Amino acid sequence: MPRHIRKGDTVFVRSGSDKGTTGKVMQVIPDTDRVIVEGVNVRKKNIKPSQANPQGGTVEKEMSIHISKVSPLASDGKPTRVRFEKRADGSKVRLAVRNGEQIGPELKKARK
């Protein structure tokens, strides 16, 4: 199944404790169908003392959420579903169902 979310997309969180927030996708984890979104699902992690950080302590870190819980934002700032389209020149693009506009760069370049 093709991924409707890619690294760098701005997404809207549809469910969970961070429902209604938006953020930028920092990483997509295809093996487990999860994404890490900036400022979403932030948890505190305890860090052991090391040479670099002799005191140890706690650090806040974004944890992953399931890819089905996020939707990309269309140009009008509202969440949308994604449609994939193959153009006549051979390029493949993601389109917003809401308004038909292209989301991000081409997925597959046009044939020469």
PDB file of N, CA and C in Angstrom:
ATOM      1  N   MET A   1       0.840  -1.184   0.000  1.00  0.00           N
ATOM      2  CA  MET A   1       0.000   0.000   0.000  1.00  0.00           C
ATOM      3  C   MET A   1       0.884   1.245   0.000  1.00  0.00           C
ATOM      4  N   PRO A   2       0.595   2.215  -0.857  1.00  0.00           N
ATOM      5  CA  PRO A   2       1.420   3.417  -0.904  1.00  0.00           C
ATOM      6  C   PRO A   2       1.216   4.284   0.344  1.00  0.00           C
ATOM      7  N   ARG A   3       2.249   4.984   0.702  1.00  0.00           N
ATOM      8  CA  ARG A   3       2.212   5.858   1.877  1.00  0.00           C
ATOM      9  C   ARG A   3       1.604   7.209   1.506  1.00  0.00           C
ATOM     10  N   HIS A   4       0.570   7.627   2.243  1.00  0.00           N
ATOM     11  CA  HIS A   4      -0.036   8.926   1.980  1.00  0.00           C
ATOM     12  C   HIS A   4       0.697  10.043   2.712  1.00  0.00           C
ATOM     13  N   ILE A   5       1.619   9.691   3.604  1.00  0.00           N
ATOM     14  CA  ILE A   5       2.395  10.662   4.376  1.00  0.00           C
ATOM     15  C   ILE A   5       3.868  10.479   4.043  1.00  0.00           C
ATOM     16  N   ARG A   6       4.573  11.594   3.883  1.00  0.00           N
ATOM     17  CA  ARG A   6       6.014  11.547   3.627  1.00  0.00           C
ATOM     18  C   ARG A   6       6.723  12.503   4.584  1.00  0.00           C
ATOM     19  N   LYS A   7       8.026  12.302   4.748  1.00  0.00           N
ATOM     20  CA  LYS A   7       8.833  13.162   5.605  1.00  0.00           C
ATOM     21  C   LYS A   7       8.738  14.604   5.108  1.00  0.00           C
ATOM     22  N   GLY A   8       8.532  15.528   6.035  1.00  0.00           N
ATOM     23  CA  GLY A   8       8.433  16.943   5.682  1.00  0.00           C
ATOM     24  C   GLY A   8       7.012  17.452   5.504  1.00  0.00           C
ATOM     25  N   ASP A   9       6.024  16.551   5.419  1.00  0.00           N
ATOM     26  CA  ASP A   9       4.627  16.971   5.285  1.00  0.00           C
ATOM     27  C   ASP A   9       4.141  17.609   6.577  1.00  0.00           C
ATOM     28  N   THR A  10       3.215  18.562   6.449  1.00  0.00           N
ATOM     29  CA  THR A  10       2.526  19.104   7.605  1.00  0.00           C
ATOM     30  C   THR A  10       1.234  18.313   7.758  1.00  0.00           C
ATOM     31  N   VAL A  11       1.021  17.753   8.942  1.00  0.00           N
ATOM     32  CA  VAL A  11      -0.114  16.857   9.155  1.00  0.00           C
ATOM     33  C   VAL A  11      -0.990  17.318  10.314  1.00  0.00           C
ATOM     34  N   PHE A  12      -2.226  16.826  10.315  1.00  0.00           N
ATOM     35  CA  PHE A  12      -3.216  17.073  11.345  1.00  0.00           C
ATOM     36  C   PHE A  12      -3.438  15.765  12.089  1.00  0.00           C
ATOM     37  N   VAL A  13      -3.387  15.788  13.426  1.00  0.00           N
ATOM     38  CA  VAL A  13      -3.580  14.583  14.227  1.00  0.00           C
ATOM     39  C   VAL A  13      -5.079  14.399  14.464  1.00  0.00           C
ATOM     40  N   ARG A  14      -5.618  13.259  14.006  1.00  0.00           N
ATOM     41  CA  ARG A  14      -7.062  13.007  14.046  1.00  0.00           C
ATOM     42  C   ARG A  14      -7.546  12.390  15.357  1.00  0.00           C
ATOM     43  N   SER A  15      -6.701  11.642  16.061  1.00  0.00           N
ATOM     44  CA  SER A  15      -7.164  10.983  17.279  1.00  0.00           C
ATOM     45  C   SER A  15      -6.026  10.842  18.264  1.00  0.00           C
ATOM     46  N   GLY A  16      -6.380  10.479  19.490  1.00  0.00           N
ATOM     47  CA  GLY A  16      -5.379  10.310  20.535  1.00  0.00           C
ATOM     48  C   GLY A  16      -5.338  11.502  21.466  1.00  0.00           C
ATOM     49  N   SER A  17      -4.356  11.516  22.351  1.00  0.00           N
ATOM     50  CA  SER A  17      -4.264  12.584  23.345  1.00  0.00           C
ATOM     51  C   SER A  17      -3.883  13.925  22.721  1.00  0.00           C
ATOM     52  N   ASP A  18      -3.278  13.917  21.536  1.00  0.00           N
ATOM     53  CA  ASP A  18      -2.897  15.154  20.856  1.00  0.00           C
ATOM     54  C   ASP A  18      -3.853  15.497  19.723  1.00  0.00           C
ATOM     55  N   LYS A  19      -5.081  15.028  19.803  1.00  0.00           N
ATOM     56  CA  LYS A  19      -6.079  15.241  18.760  1.00  0.00           C
ATOM     57  C   LYS A  19      -6.260  16.731  18.479  1.00  0.00           C
ATOM     58  N   GLY A  20      -6.263  17.087  17.196  1.00  0.00           N
ATOM     59  CA  GLY A  20      -6.491  18.472  16.796  1.00  0.00           C
ATOM     60  C   GLY A  20      -5.226  19.281  16.585  1.00  0.00           C
ATOM     61  N   THR A  21      -4.073  18.740  16.912  1.00  0.00           N
ATOM     62  CA  THR A  21      -2.838  19.489  16.733  1.00  0.00           C
ATOM     63  C   THR A  21      -2.248  19.228  15.349  1.00  0.00           C
ATOM     64  N   THR A  22      -1.396  20.147  14.927  1.00  0.00           N
ATOM     65  CA  THR A  22      -0.707  19.990  13.650  1.00  0.00           C
ATOM     66  C   THR A  22       0.790  19.989  13.900  1.00  0.00           C
ATOM     67  N   GLY A  23       1.526  19.388  13.004  1.00  0.00           N
ATOM     68  CA  GLY A  23       2.976  19.350  13.138  1.00  0.00           C
ATOM     69  C   GLY A  23       3.613  18.830  11.865  1.00  0.00           C
ATOM     70  N   LYS A  24       4.924  18.941  11.814  1.00  0.00           N
ATOM     71  CA  LYS A  24       5.684  18.499  10.658  1.00  0.00           C
ATOM     72  C   LYS A  24       6.214  17.089  10.899  1.00  0.00           C
ATOM     73  N   VAL A  25       6.120  16.228   9.877  1.00  0.00           N
ATOM     74  CA  VAL A  25       6.598  14.856   9.997  1.00  0.00           C
ATOM     75  C   VAL A  25       8.120  14.869   9.956  1.00  0.00           C
ATOM     76  N   MET A  26       8.748  14.346  11.021  1.00  0.00           N
ATOM     77  CA  MET A  26      10.197  14.297  11.093  1.00  0.00           C
ATOM     78  C   MET A  26      10.741  12.981  10.565  1.00  0.00           C
ATOM     79  N   GLN A  27       9.958  11.889  10.710  1.00  0.00           N
ATOM     80  CA  GLN A  27      10.426  10.576  10.287  1.00  0.00           C
ATOM     81  C   GLN A  27       9.227   9.675  10.019  1.00  0.00           C
ATOM     82  N   VAL A  28       9.342   8.850   8.975  1.00  0.00           N
ATOM     83  CA  VAL A  28       8.345   7.820   8.679  1.00  0.00           C
ATOM     84  C   VAL A  28       9.011   6.471   8.910  1.00  0.00           C
ATOM     85  N   ILE A  29       8.343   5.596   9.658  1.00  0.00           N
ATOM     86  CA  ILE A  29       8.868   4.259   9.952  1.00  0.00           C
ATOM     87  C   ILE A  29       7.977   3.254   9.213  1.00  0.00           C
ATOM     88  N   PRO A  30       8.372   2.846   7.986  1.00  0.00           N
ATOM     89  CA  PRO A  30       7.489   2.013   7.168  1.00  0.00           C
ATOM     90  C   PRO A  30       7.283   0.601   7.697  1.00  0.00           C
ATOM     91  N   ASP A  31       8.227   0.035   8.428  1.00  0.00           N
ATOM     92  CA  ASP A  31       8.099  -1.337   8.929  1.00  0.00           C
ATOM     93  C   ASP A  31       6.906  -1.498   9.865  1.00  0.00           C
ATOM     94  N   THR A  32       6.647  -0.488  10.684  1.00  0.00           N
ATOM     95  CA  THR A  32       5.576  -0.567  11.670  1.00  0.00           C
ATOM     96  C   THR A  32       4.423   0.387  11.366  1.00  0.00           C
ATOM     97  N   ASP A  33       4.444   1.062  10.205  1.00  0.00           N
ATOM     98  CA  ASP A  33       3.401   2.023   9.800  1.00  0.00           C
ATOM     99  C   ASP A  33       3.226   3.132  10.839  1.00  0.00           C
ATOM    100  N   ARG A  34       4.335   3.721  11.253  1.00  0.00           N
ATOM    101  CA  ARG A  34       4.291   4.779  12.252  1.00  0.00           C
ATOM    102  C   ARG A  34       5.041   6.008  11.761  1.00  0.00           C
ATOM    103  N   VAL A  35       4.706   7.172  12.340  1.00  0.00           N
ATOM    104  CA  VAL A  35       5.381   8.426  12.009  1.00  0.00           C
ATOM    105  C   VAL A  35       5.746   9.150  13.292  1.00  0.00           C
ATOM    106  N   ILE A  36       6.804   9.958  13.222  1.00  0.00           N
ATOM    107  CA  ILE A  36       7.179  10.825  14.335  1.00  0.00           C
ATOM    108  C   ILE A  36       6.891  12.253  13.895  1.00  0.00           C
ATOM    109  N   VAL A  37       6.011  12.922  14.636  1.00  0.00           N
ATOM    110  CA  VAL A  37       5.561  14.271  14.302  1.00  0.00           C
ATOM    111  C   VAL A  37       6.104  15.241  15.336  1.00  0.00           C
ATOM    112  N   GLU A  38       6.624  16.363  14.866  1.00  0.00           N
ATOM    113  CA  GLU A  38       7.219  17.380  15.732  1.00  0.00           C
ATOM    114  C   GLU A  38       6.183  17.942  16.709  1.00  0.00           C
ATOM    115  N   GLY A  39       6.466  17.828  18.006  1.00  0.00           N
ATOM    116  CA  GLY A  39       5.604  18.386  19.043  1.00  0.00           C
ATOM    117  C   GLY A  39       4.395  17.533  19.400  1.00  0.00           C
ATOM    118  N   VAL A  40       4.314  16.316  18.874  1.00  0.00           N
ATOM    119  CA  VAL A  40       3.174  15.443  19.137  1.00  0.00           C
ATOM    120  C   VAL A  40       3.664  14.190  19.848  1.00  0.00           C
ATOM    121  N   ASN A  41       2.899  13.729  20.845  1.00  0.00           N
ATOM    122  CA  ASN A  41       3.214  12.536  21.629  1.00  0.00           C
ATOM    123  C   ASN A  41       4.581  12.670  22.312  1.00  0.00           C
ATOM    124  N   VAL A  42       4.790  13.794  22.977  1.00  0.00           N
ATOM    125  CA  VAL A  42       6.054  14.070  23.665  1.00  0.00           C
ATOM    126  C   VAL A  42       6.054  13.351  25.009  1.00  0.00           C
ATOM    127  N   ARG A  43       7.105  12.579  25.254  1.00  0.00           N
ATOM    128  CA  ARG A  43       7.253  11.825  26.493  1.00  0.00           C
ATOM    129  C   ARG A  43       8.589  12.169  27.145  1.00  0.00           C
ATOM    130  N   LYS A  44       8.670  11.972  28.465  1.00  0.00           N
ATOM    131  CA  LYS A  44       9.923  12.197  29.182  1.00  0.00           C
ATOM    132  C   LYS A  44      10.694  10.894  29.249  1.00  0.00           C
ATOM    133  N   LYS A  45      11.967  10.940  28.912  1.00  0.00           N
ATOM    134  CA  LYS A  45      12.836   9.766  28.956  1.00  0.00           C
ATOM    135  C   LYS A  45      13.938  10.036  29.972  1.00  0.00           C
ATOM    136  N   ASN A  46      14.235   9.034  30.804  1.00  0.00           N
ATOM    137  CA  ASN A  46      15.338   9.154  31.748  1.00  0.00           C
ATOM    138  C   ASN A  46      16.627   8.740  31.050  1.00  0.00           C
ATOM    139  N   ILE A  47      17.659   9.579  31.190  1.00  0.00           N
ATOM    140  CA  ILE A  47      18.946   9.331  30.542  1.00  0.00           C
ATOM    141  C   ILE A  47      19.957   8.915  31.603  1.00  0.00           C
ATOM    142  N   LYS A  48      20.649   7.796  31.355  1.00  0.00           N
ATOM    143  CA  LYS A  48      21.695   7.339  32.270  1.00  0.00           C
ATOM    144  C   LYS A  48      22.896   8.276  32.197  1.00  0.00           C
ATOM    145  N   PRO A  49      23.643   8.407  33.275  1.00  0.00           N
ATOM    146  CA  PRO A  49      24.872   9.193  33.210  1.00  0.00           C
ATOM    147  C   PRO A  49      25.874   8.573  32.217  1.00  0.00           C
ATOM    148  N   SER A  50      26.528   9.429  31.455  1.00  0.00           N
ATOM    149  CA  SER A  50      27.538   8.975  30.494  1.00  0.00           C
ATOM    150  C   SER A  50      28.668  10.003  30.487  1.00  0.00           C
ATOM    151  N   GLN A  51      29.694   9.766  29.679  1.00  0.00           N
ATOM    152  CA  GLN A  51      30.791  10.733  29.603  1.00  0.00           C
ATOM    153  C   GLN A  51      30.304  12.054  29.023  1.00  0.00           C
ATOM    154  N   ALA A  52      29.443  11.976  28.042  1.00  0.00           N
ATOM    155  CA  ALA A  52      28.928  13.197  27.425  1.00  0.00           C
ATOM    156  C   ALA A  52      27.997  13.948  28.372  1.00  0.00           C
ATOM    157  N   ASN A  53      27.240  13.220  29.188  1.00  0.00           N
ATOM    158  CA  ASN A  53      26.298  13.818  30.123  1.00  0.00           C
ATOM    159  C   ASN A  53      26.491  13.150  31.488  1.00  0.00           C
ATOM    160  N   PRO A  54      27.473  13.627  32.288  1.00  0.00           N
ATOM    161  CA  PRO A  54      27.800  12.945  33.546  1.00  0.00           C
ATOM    162  C   PRO A  54      26.678  12.964  34.588  1.00  0.00           C
ATOM    163  N   GLN A  55      25.794  13.951  34.518  1.00  0.00           N
ATOM    164  CA  GLN A  55      24.709  14.048  35.483  1.00  0.00           C
ATOM    165  C   GLN A  55      23.541  13.124  35.153  1.00  0.00           C
ATOM    166  N   GLY A  56      23.381  12.783  33.867  1.00  0.00           N
ATOM    167  CA  GLY A  56      22.187  12.036  33.471  1.00  0.00           C
ATOM    168  C   GLY A  56      21.021  12.998  33.425  1.00  0.00           C
ATOM    169  N   GLY A  57      19.840  12.545  33.780  1.00  0.00           N
ATOM    170  CA  GLY A  57      18.678  13.421  33.859  1.00  0.00           C
ATOM    171  C   GLY A  57      17.540  12.954  32.966  1.00  0.00           C
ATOM    172  N   THR A  58      16.621  13.874  32.689  1.00  0.00           N
ATOM    173  CA  THR A  58      15.470  13.561  31.846  1.00  0.00           C
ATOM    174  C   THR A  58      15.490  14.432  30.610  1.00  0.00           C
ATOM    175  N   VAL A  59      14.946  13.901  29.527  1.00  0.00           N
ATOM    176  CA  VAL A  59      14.856  14.647  28.277  1.00  0.00           C
ATOM    177  C   VAL A  59      13.478  14.383  27.682  1.00  0.00           C
ATOM    178  N   GLU A  60      12.878  15.406  27.055  1.00  0.00           N
ATOM    179  CA  GLU A  60      11.587  15.237  26.399  1.00  0.00           C
ATOM    180  C   GLU A  60      11.826  14.836  24.952  1.00  0.00           C
ATOM    181  N   LYS A  61      11.112  13.807  24.509  1.00  0.00           N
ATOM    182  CA  LYS A  61      11.345  13.246  23.192  1.00  0.00           C
ATOM    183  C   LYS A  61      10.011  12.920  22.526  1.00  0.00           C
ATOM    184  N   GLU A  62       9.914  13.192  21.211  1.00  0.00           N
ATOM    185  CA  GLU A  62       8.712  12.828  20.473  1.00  0.00           C
ATOM    186  C   GLU A  62       8.731  11.327  20.197  1.00  0.00           C
ATOM    187  N   MET A  63       7.635  10.662  20.493  1.00  0.00           N
ATOM    188  CA  MET A  63       7.495   9.241  20.229  1.00  0.00           C
ATOM    189  C   MET A  63       6.595   9.069  19.005  1.00  0.00           C
ATOM    190  N   SER A  64       6.622   7.870  18.434  1.00  0.00           N
ATOM    191  CA  SER A  64       5.880   7.638  17.197  1.00  0.00           C
ATOM    192  C   SER A  64       4.390   7.442  17.458  1.00  0.00           C
ATOM    193  N   ILE A  65       3.581   7.737  16.434  1.00  0.00           N
ATOM    194  CA  ILE A  65       2.151   7.453  16.446  1.00  0.00           C
ATOM    195  C   ILE A  65       1.823   6.721  15.149  1.00  0.00           C
ATOM    196  N   HIS A  66       0.698   6.035  15.115  1.00  0.00           N
ATOM    197  CA  HIS A  66       0.340   5.261  13.932  1.00  0.00           C
ATOM    198  C   HIS A  66      -0.016   6.199  12.781  1.00  0.00           C
ATOM    199  N   ILE A  67       0.359   5.786  11.570  1.00  0.00           N
ATOM    200  CA  ILE A  67       0.191   6.625  10.381  1.00  0.00           C
ATOM    201  C   ILE A  67      -1.283   6.879  10.069  1.00  0.00           C
ATOM    202  N   SER A  68      -2.175   5.990  10.518  1.00  0.00           N
ATOM    203  CA  SER A  68      -3.602   6.169  10.254  1.00  0.00           C
ATOM    204  C   SER A  68      -4.215   7.285  11.089  1.00  0.00           C
ATOM    205  N   LYS A  69      -3.499   7.746  12.114  1.00  0.00           N
ATOM    206  CA  LYS A  69      -4.025   8.792  12.985  1.00  0.00           C
ATOM    207  C   LYS A  69      -3.723  10.197  12.480  1.00  0.00           C
ATOM    208  N   VAL A  70      -3.018  10.320  11.359  1.00  0.00           N
ATOM    209  CA  VAL A  70      -2.679  11.640  10.829  1.00  0.00           C
ATOM    210  C   VAL A  70      -3.177  11.794   9.395  1.00  0.00           C
ATOM    211  N   SER A  71      -3.489  13.034   9.031  1.00  0.00           N
ATOM    212  CA  SER A  71      -3.903  13.369   7.671  1.00  0.00           C
ATOM    213  C   SER A  71      -3.109  14.582   7.219  1.00  0.00           C
ATOM    214  N   PRO A  72      -2.669  14.605   5.963  1.00  0.00           N
ATOM    215  CA  PRO A  72      -1.940  15.779   5.481  1.00  0.00           C
ATOM    216  C   PRO A  72      -2.869  16.979   5.365  1.00  0.00           C
ATOM    217  N   LEU A  73      -2.287  18.157   5.468  1.00  0.00           N
ATOM    218  CA  LEU A  73      -3.065  19.383   5.342  1.00  0.00           C
ATOM    219  C   LEU A  73      -3.058  19.842   3.891  1.00  0.00           C
ATOM    220  N   ALA A  74      -4.230  20.279   3.413  1.00  0.00           N
ATOM    221  CA  ALA A  74      -4.340  20.850   2.067  1.00  0.00           C
ATOM    222  C   ALA A  74      -3.865  22.300   2.132  1.00  0.00           C
ATOM    223  N   SER A  75      -3.846  22.968   0.999  1.00  0.00           N
ATOM    224  CA  SER A  75      -3.348  24.349   0.949  1.00  0.00           C
ATOM    225  C   SER A  75      -4.220  25.312   1.751  1.00  0.00           C
ATOM    226  N   ASP A  76      -5.492  24.950   1.984  1.00  0.00           N
ATOM    227  CA  ASP A  76      -6.374  25.817   2.777  1.00  0.00           C
ATOM    228  C   ASP A  76      -6.237  25.584   4.280  1.00  0.00           C
ATOM    229  N   GLY A  77      -5.328  24.669   4.680  1.00  0.00           N
ATOM    230  CA  GLY A  77      -5.060  24.426   6.091  1.00  0.00           C
ATOM    231  C   GLY A  77      -5.977  23.418   6.745  1.00  0.00           C
ATOM    232  N   LYS A  78      -6.805  22.733   5.947  1.00  0.00           N
ATOM    233  CA  LYS A  78      -7.706  21.726   6.490  1.00  0.00           C
ATOM    234  C   LYS A  78      -7.202  20.336   6.117  1.00  0.00           C
ATOM    235  N   PRO A  79      -7.475  19.323   6.971  1.00  0.00           N
ATOM    236  CA  PRO A  79      -7.008  17.968   6.663  1.00  0.00           C
ATOM    237  C   PRO A  79      -7.735  17.391   5.457  1.00  0.00           C
ATOM    238  N   THR A  80      -7.039  16.542   4.726  1.00  0.00           N
ATOM    239  CA  THR A  80      -7.612  15.952   3.527  1.00  0.00           C
ATOM    240  C   THR A  80      -7.156  14.514   3.376  1.00  0.00           C
ATOM    241  N   ARG A  81      -7.918  13.756   2.593  1.00  0.00           N
ATOM    242  CA  ARG A  81      -7.477  12.433   2.204  1.00  0.00           C
ATOM    243  C   ARG A  81      -6.585  12.588   0.982  1.00  0.00           C
ATOM    244  N   VAL A  82      -5.926  11.499   0.583  1.00  0.00           N
ATOM    245  CA  VAL A  82      -4.951  11.577  -0.506  1.00  0.00           C
ATOM    246  C   VAL A  82      -5.353  10.643  -1.636  1.00  0.00           C
ATOM    247  N   ARG A  83      -5.200  11.140  -2.849  1.00  0.00           N
ATOM    248  CA  ARG A  83      -5.426  10.342  -4.045  1.00  0.00           C
ATOM    249  C   ARG A  83      -4.132  10.337  -4.835  1.00  0.00           C
ATOM    250  N   PHE A  84      -3.771   9.201  -5.406  1.00  0.00           N
ATOM    251  CA  PHE A  84      -2.575   9.098  -6.231  1.00  0.00           C
ATOM    252  C   PHE A  84      -2.992   9.136  -7.689  1.00  0.00           C
ATOM    253  N   GLU A  85      -2.215   9.864  -8.500  1.00  0.00           N
ATOM    254  CA  GLU A  85      -2.550   9.982  -9.918  1.00  0.00           C
ATOM    255  C   GLU A  85      -1.302   9.823 -10.756  1.00  0.00           C
ATOM    256  N   LYS A  86      -1.438   9.058 -11.839  1.00  0.00           N
ATOM    257  CA  LYS A  86      -0.371   8.921 -12.818  1.00  0.00           C
ATOM    258  C   LYS A  86      -0.699   9.846 -13.973  1.00  0.00           C
ATOM    259  N   ARG A  87       0.207  10.734 -14.305  1.00  0.00           N
ATOM    260  CA  ARG A  87      -0.028  11.698 -15.383  1.00  0.00           C
ATOM    261  C   ARG A  87       0.403  11.117 -16.726  1.00  0.00           C
ATOM    262  N   ALA A  88       0.034  11.790 -17.795  1.00  0.00           N
ATOM    263  CA  ALA A  88       0.324  11.316 -19.154  1.00  0.00           C
ATOM    264  C   ALA A  88       1.824  11.251 -19.434  1.00  0.00           C
ATOM    265  N   ASP A  89       2.599  12.147 -18.817  1.00  0.00           N
ATOM    266  CA  ASP A  89       4.046  12.149 -19.054  1.00  0.00           C
ATOM    267  C   ASP A  89       4.776  11.073 -18.242  1.00  0.00           C
ATOM    268  N   GLY A  90       4.050  10.294 -17.448  1.00  0.00           N
ATOM    269  CA  GLY A  90       4.647   9.206 -16.686  1.00  0.00           C
ATOM    270  C   GLY A  90       4.948   9.555 -15.241  1.00  0.00           C
ATOM    271  N   SER A  91       4.709  10.793 -14.830  1.00  0.00           N
ATOM    272  CA  SER A  91       4.983  11.173 -13.446  1.00  0.00           C
ATOM    273  C   SER A  91       3.830  10.723 -12.544  1.00  0.00           C
ATOM    274  N   LYS A  92       4.147  10.502 -11.275  1.00  0.00           N
ATOM    275  CA  LYS A  92       3.152  10.091 -10.289  1.00  0.00           C
ATOM    276  C   LYS A  92       3.131  11.138  -9.187  1.00  0.00           C
ATOM    277  N   VAL A  93       1.936  11.607  -8.795  1.00  0.00           N
ATOM    278  CA  VAL A  93       1.810  12.665  -7.796  1.00  0.00           C
ATOM    279  C   VAL A  93       0.742  12.300  -6.766  1.00  0.00           C
ATOM    280  N   ARG A  94       0.814  12.973  -5.618  1.00  0.00           N
ATOM    281  CA  ARG A  94      -0.228  12.863  -4.593  1.00  0.00           C
ATOM    282  C   ARG A  94      -1.130  14.074  -4.724  1.00  0.00           C
ATOM    283  N   LEU A  95      -2.444  13.850  -4.723  1.00  0.00           N
ATOM    284  CA  LEU A  95      -3.409  14.930  -4.830  1.00  0.00           C
ATOM    285  C   LEU A  95      -4.295  14.962  -3.601  1.00  0.00           C
ATOM    286  N   ALA A  96      -4.666  16.182  -3.169  1.00  0.00           N
ATOM    287  CA  ALA A  96      -5.600  16.345  -2.064  1.00  0.00           C
ATOM    288  C   ALA A  96      -7.013  16.115  -2.588  1.00  0.00           C
ATOM    289  N   VAL A  97      -7.762  15.251  -1.923  1.00  0.00           N
ATOM    290  CA  VAL A  97      -9.130  14.976  -2.354  1.00  0.00           C
ATOM    291  C   VAL A  97      -9.991  16.219  -2.163  1.00  0.00           C
ATOM    292  N   ARG A  98      -9.698  17.013  -1.148  1.00  0.00           N
ATOM    293  CA  ARG A  98     -10.498  18.196  -0.818  1.00  0.00           C
ATOM    294  C   ARG A  98     -10.570  19.205  -1.967  1.00  0.00           C
ATOM    295  N   ASN A  99      -9.412  19.505  -2.589  1.00  0.00           N
ATOM    296  CA  ASN A  99      -9.420  20.538  -3.621  1.00  0.00           C
ATOM    297  C   ASN A  99      -8.679  20.145  -4.897  1.00  0.00           C
ATOM    298  N   GLY A 100      -8.131  18.946  -4.959  1.00  0.00           N
ATOM    299  CA  GLY A 100      -7.473  18.479  -6.179  1.00  0.00           C
ATOM    300  C   GLY A 100      -6.073  19.009  -6.406  1.00  0.00           C
ATOM    301  N   GLU A 101      -5.517  19.732  -5.447  1.00  0.00           N
ATOM    302  CA  GLU A 101      -4.175  20.291  -5.601  1.00  0.00           C
ATOM    303  C   GLU A 101      -3.113  19.248  -5.253  1.00  0.00           C
ATOM    304  N   GLN A 102      -1.929  19.442  -5.829  1.00  0.00           N
ATOM    305  CA  GLN A 102      -0.814  18.520  -5.594  1.00  0.00           C
ATOM    306  C   GLN A 102      -0.245  18.728  -4.202  1.00  0.00           C
ATOM    307  N   ILE A 103       0.076  17.615  -3.538  1.00  0.00           N
ATOM    308  CA  ILE A 103       0.699  17.654  -2.212  1.00  0.00           C
ATOM    309  C   ILE A 103       2.164  17.280  -2.390  1.00  0.00           C
ATOM    310  N   GLY A 104       3.061  18.184  -2.072  1.00  0.00           N
ATOM    311  CA  GLY A 104       4.494  17.895  -2.130  1.00  0.00           C
ATOM    312  C   GLY A 104       5.002  17.714  -3.553  1.00  0.00           C
ATOM    313  N   PRO A 105       6.257  17.276  -3.662  1.00  0.00           N
ATOM    314  CA  PRO A 105       6.858  17.075  -4.985  1.00  0.00           C
ATOM    315  C   PRO A 105       6.356  15.780  -5.630  1.00  0.00           C
ATOM    316  N   GLU A 106       6.735  15.590  -6.891  1.00  0.00           N
ATOM    317  CA  GLU A 106       6.364  14.372  -7.606  1.00  0.00           C
ATOM    318  C   GLU A 106       6.971  13.165  -6.915  1.00  0.00           C
ATOM    319  N   LEU A 107       6.245  12.043  -6.916  1.00  0.00           N
ATOM    320  CA  LEU A 107       6.766  10.809  -6.337  1.00  0.00           C
ATOM    321  C   LEU A 107       7.657  10.092  -7.333  1.00  0.00           C
ATOM    322  N   LYS A 108       7.290  10.187  -8.592  1.00  0.00           N
ATOM    323  CA  LYS A 108       8.039   9.534  -9.657  1.00  0.00           C
ATOM    324  C   LYS A 108       8.202  10.557 -10.774  1.00  0.00           C
ATOM    325  N   LYS A 109       9.419  10.745 -11.230  1.00  0.00           N
ATOM    326  CA  LYS A 109       9.693  11.758 -12.252  1.00  0.00           C
ATOM    327  C   LYS A 109       9.138  11.346 -13.604  1.00  0.00           C
ATOM    328  N   ALA A 110       8.921  12.337 -14.455  1.00  0.00           N
ATOM    329  CA  ALA A 110       8.399  12.114 -15.799  1.00  0.00           C
ATOM    330  C   ALA A 110       9.468  11.440 -16.673  1.00  0.00           C
ATOM    331  N   ARG A 111       9.001  10.643 -17.620  1.00  0.00           N
ATOM    332  CA  ARG A 111       9.921  10.009 -18.567  1.00  0.00           C
ATOM    333  C   ARG A 111      10.410  11.059 -19.553  1.00  0.00           C
ATOM    334  N   LYS A 112      11.645  10.874 -20.014  1.00  0.00           N
ATOM    335  CA  LYS A 112      12.208  11.827 -20.975  1.00  0.00           C
ATOM    336  C   LYS A 112      12.089  11.351 -22.380  1.00  0.00           C
TER     337      LYS A 112
END
